Amino acid sequence: MSGRAIRVLILAAALAPAPAAAQMQVEARGGLTVGNHTAHYSALDIAPGVSVDVVIRRQILRSLAVYGGYFRTSFGCEEGFCKDLDITVVGNHGALGAEWSPPGMEDKPAQPWVRAGVMFGSTEATSAKRPIDVSADPGIGFHMAAGLSVGSGRFRFLPGVSYRRLAATQGDDEATAVAVAVDVGFAYRLGGGG
């Protein structure tokens, strides 16, 4: 996915209509991810990779926010599960979505949230053992996540879990990649609201 497309997705979330007291938040998240890639028969093999998200989030109602950002999803698969290959799968996607949190929890020290959204980008698999051609066509995927926003003031701690279905189709070959992550992040609130 091009850098320009990613910037457009982030800008769309930042410019979404909102009341004057709306809060904007910048987040950086990272975590360990396991996954599968149907083209290589991997099955949530225990060869985790590091995934990273950068998100701009904007509150539009008390319990509803929108966000846009960049997701880099990475996981591995080892011999026995991957046609005798050690592979690394990496997805690069722009993301747009919505976040819901229970009403009346705004001033609590730990506020739960759930997110769902769409992703656009591509997924590639590489192997150190021998060349493989697994460069996916760009496509649409989706993600879901749940977690907590812990803290008060401008800085927040964001533990969570996420599920992602990545675009992984290669030409006429149907393929999917799915990833599950446990991650932590930090957020900084940019003005507006309390």
Protein backbone atom coordinates (compact mmCIF):
# COMPACT_ATOMS: atom_id res chain seq x y z
CA MET A 1 0.00 0.00 0.00
CA SER A 2 1.41 3.38 -0.93
CA GLY A 3 2.35 5.97 1.64
CA ARG A 4 -0.12 8.38 0.05
CA ALA A 5 -3.05 5.98 0.53
CA ILE A 6 -2.11 5.48 4.18
CA ARG A 7 -1.97 9.25 4.75
CA VAL A 8 -5.42 9.63 3.14
CA LEU A 9 -6.90 6.98 5.47
CA ILE A 10 -5.44 8.66 8.56
CA LEU A 11 -6.60 12.09 7.40
CA ALA A 12 -10.15 10.79 6.81
CA ALA A 13 -10.41 9.66 10.44
CA ALA A 14 -8.95 12.92 11.71
CA LEU A 15 -11.37 15.07 9.71
CA ALA A 16 -14.56 13.14 10.48
CA PRO A 17 -17.36 15.47 11.68
CA ALA A 18 -17.42 15.81 15.45
CA PRO A 19 -18.64 18.16 18.17
CA ALA A 20 -16.36 20.97 19.33
CA ALA A 21 -15.42 19.03 22.49
CA ALA A 22 -14.27 15.99 20.52
CA GLN A 23 -11.05 14.35 21.59
CA MET A 24 -8.36 13.25 19.20
CA GLN A 25 -5.91 10.58 20.25
CA VAL A 26 -2.67 9.32 18.69
CA GLU A 27 -1.82 5.68 19.44
CA ALA A 28 1.18 3.43 18.95
CA ARG A 29 0.62 -0.28 19.62
CA GLY A 30 2.82 -3.34 19.39
CA GLY A 31 2.40 -6.99 20.17
CA LEU A 32 3.10 -10.64 19.48
CA THR A 33 1.08 -12.23 16.69
CA VAL A 34 0.45 -15.78 15.54
CA GLY A 35 -1.44 -16.67 12.40
CA ASN A 36 -2.06 -18.88 9.44
CA HIS A 37 -1.72 -18.62 5.68
CA THR A 38 -3.80 -21.11 3.70
CA ALA A 39 -1.36 -21.24 0.79
CA HIS A 40 1.16 -22.90 3.15
CA TYR A 41 -1.16 -24.88 5.40
CA SER A 42 0.05 -23.05 8.48
CA ALA A 43 -2.25 -23.33 11.48
CA LEU A 44 -1.55 -20.71 14.15
CA ASP A 45 1.95 -22.11 14.50
CA ILE A 46 3.90 -20.96 17.54
CA ALA A 47 6.39 -18.77 15.70
CA PRO A 48 5.12 -15.35 16.72
CA GLY A 49 6.06 -12.17 14.95
CA VAL A 50 5.91 -8.56 16.05
CA SER A 51 3.00 -6.47 14.81
CA VAL A 52 2.80 -2.67 14.97
CA ASP A 53 -0.14 -0.25 14.62
CA VAL A 54 -0.14 3.54 14.40
CA VAL A 55 -3.61 5.06 14.74
CA ILE A 56 -5.31 8.44 14.92
CA ARG A 57 -8.63 8.19 16.76
CA ARG A 58 -11.35 10.82 17.07
CA GLN A 59 -14.29 10.77 19.46
CA ILE A 60 -17.54 11.65 17.65
CA LEU A 61 -20.12 10.70 20.31
CA ARG A 62 -19.80 9.79 23.99
CA SER A 63 -19.53 6.07 23.24
CA LEU A 64 -18.39 6.14 19.61
CA ALA A 65 -15.09 7.05 17.97
CA VAL A 66 -13.67 6.64 14.46
CA TYR A 67 -10.06 5.92 13.59
CA GLY A 68 -7.65 5.49 10.73
CA GLY A 69 -4.13 4.19 10.68
CA TYR A 70 -1.44 1.83 9.48
CA PHE A 71 -1.27 -1.84 10.57
CA ARG A 72 1.84 -4.00 10.03
CA THR A 73 1.02 -7.60 10.85
CA SER A 74 3.80 -10.21 11.07
CA PHE A 75 3.93 -13.87 12.06
CA GLY A 76 5.94 -16.97 11.24
CA CYS A 77 5.44 -20.63 10.53
CA GLU A 78 8.00 -23.40 10.98
CA GLU A 79 8.69 -26.80 9.40
CA GLY A 80 5.97 -29.39 9.70
CA PHE A 81 3.18 -26.87 9.28
CA CYS A 82 4.37 -25.02 6.19
CA LYS A 83 5.23 -27.56 3.48
CA ASP A 84 8.72 -27.93 5.03
CA LEU A 85 9.42 -24.21 4.82
CA ASP A 86 10.17 -21.69 7.53
CA ILE A 87 8.14 -18.71 6.39
CA THR A 88 7.49 -15.22 7.60
CA VAL A 89 4.19 -13.60 6.66
CA VAL A 90 3.96 -9.79 6.66
CA GLY A 91 0.87 -7.73 5.92
CA ASN A 92 0.92 -3.96 5.39
CA HIS A 93 -2.51 -2.36 5.53
CA GLY A 94 -4.22 0.96 5.95
CA ALA A 95 -7.23 0.72 8.26
CA LEU A 96 -10.46 2.60 8.90
CA GLY A 97 -12.95 1.70 11.60
CA ALA A 98 -15.13 2.55 14.57
CA GLU A 99 -14.70 2.05 18.31
CA TRP A 100 -17.46 1.61 20.86
CA SER A 101 -17.10 1.91 24.62
CA PRO A 102 -19.85 1.59 27.28
CA PRO A 103 -21.60 4.86 28.13
CA GLY A 104 -20.88 6.34 31.54
CA MET A 105 -17.33 4.93 31.68
CA GLU A 106 -15.56 8.08 30.40
CA ASP A 107 -14.19 9.07 33.83
CA LYS A 108 -13.31 5.57 35.06
CA PRO A 109 -9.61 4.63 35.41
CA ALA A 110 -10.07 1.61 33.08
CA GLN A 111 -12.50 2.03 30.20
CA PRO A 112 -13.27 -1.06 28.03
CA TRP A 113 -13.55 -0.69 24.25
CA VAL A 114 -14.22 -2.79 21.15
CA ARG A 115 -13.22 -1.96 17.59
CA ALA A 116 -14.09 -3.18 14.13
CA GLY A 117 -12.94 -1.95 10.76
CA VAL A 118 -11.73 -2.62 7.26
CA MET A 119 -8.15 -2.82 6.01
CA PHE A 120 -6.71 -2.34 2.54
CA GLY A 121 -3.28 -3.61 1.61
CA SER A 122 -1.32 -6.72 0.76
CA THR A 123 0.36 -9.67 2.46
CA GLU A 124 3.64 -11.34 1.51
CA ALA A 125 5.35 -14.54 2.62
CA THR A 126 9.09 -15.10 2.45
CA SER A 127 11.35 -18.03 3.30
CA ALA A 128 15.00 -18.10 4.29
CA LYS A 129 15.34 -21.72 3.07
CA ARG A 130 14.38 -21.27 -0.58
CA PRO A 131 12.68 -18.73 -2.81
CA ILE A 132 8.89 -18.73 -2.73
CA ASP A 133 6.55 -16.49 -4.69
CA VAL A 134 3.84 -15.48 -2.28
CA SER A 135 3.22 -11.82 -2.95
CA ALA A 136 -0.50 -11.18 -2.54
CA ASP A 137 -2.56 -8.86 -4.68
CA PRO A 138 -3.78 -5.77 -2.81
CA GLY A 139 -7.20 -6.34 -1.34
CA ILE A 140 -9.64 -5.70 1.46
CA GLY A 141 -9.49 -7.37 4.85
CA PHE A 142 -11.08 -6.72 8.23
CA HIS A 143 -10.13 -6.61 11.87
CA MET A 144 -11.71 -6.71 15.30
CA ALA A 145 -10.14 -5.82 18.64
CA ALA A 146 -11.02 -5.42 22.31
CA GLY A 147 -9.14 -3.92 25.19
CA LEU A 148 -8.92 -1.32 27.93
CA SER A 149 -7.94 2.34 28.05
CA VAL A 150 -6.19 2.69 31.39
CA GLY A 151 -5.24 5.96 33.02
CA SER A 152 -6.35 9.54 33.28
CA GLY A 153 -5.22 12.76 31.75
CA ARG A 154 -3.58 12.84 28.34
CA PHE A 155 -1.55 9.60 28.51
CA ARG A 156 -3.27 6.20 28.37
CA PHE A 157 -2.07 2.60 28.52
CA LEU A 158 -3.89 0.33 26.02
CA PRO A 159 -3.69 -3.45 26.53
CA GLY A 160 -5.77 -5.50 24.09
CA VAL A 161 -6.27 -8.44 21.77
CA SER A 162 -7.04 -8.39 18.04
CA TYR A 163 -8.13 -10.61 15.17
CA ARG A 164 -7.25 -9.79 11.55
CA ARG A 165 -8.20 -11.37 8.25
CA LEU A 166 -5.63 -10.14 5.74
CA ALA A 167 -5.84 -9.76 1.98
CA ALA A 168 -3.75 -12.70 0.70
CA THR A 169 -5.11 -13.79 -2.71
CA GLN A 170 -2.50 -14.35 -5.44
CA GLY A 171 -3.85 -13.94 -8.96
CA ASP A 172 -6.32 -16.80 -9.49
CA ASP A 173 -5.17 -18.68 -6.37
CA GLU A 174 -7.52 -18.11 -3.47
CA ALA A 175 -5.62 -17.71 -0.21
CA THR A 176 -6.31 -16.15 3.16
CA ALA A 177 -4.16 -15.09 6.06
CA VAL A 178 -5.54 -14.78 9.58
CA ALA A 179 -3.71 -13.34 12.57
CA VAL A 180 -4.42 -13.14 16.31
CA ALA A 181 -2.41 -10.71 18.46
CA VAL A 182 -1.93 -9.79 22.08
CA ASP A 183 -0.71 -6.22 22.19
CA VAL A 184 -0.03 -3.19 24.33
CA GLY A 185 0.04 0.41 23.36
CA PHE A 186 0.20 3.97 24.53
CA ALA A 187 -2.03 6.85 23.57
CA TYR A 188 -1.73 10.60 23.80
CA ARG A 189 -4.90 12.68 23.79
CA LEU A 190 -4.77 15.90 21.80
CA GLY A 191 -7.04 18.54 23.32
CA GLY A 192 -10.81 18.78 23.31
CA GLY A 193 -13.02 17.22 25.95
CA GLY A 194 -11.88 16.26 29.40
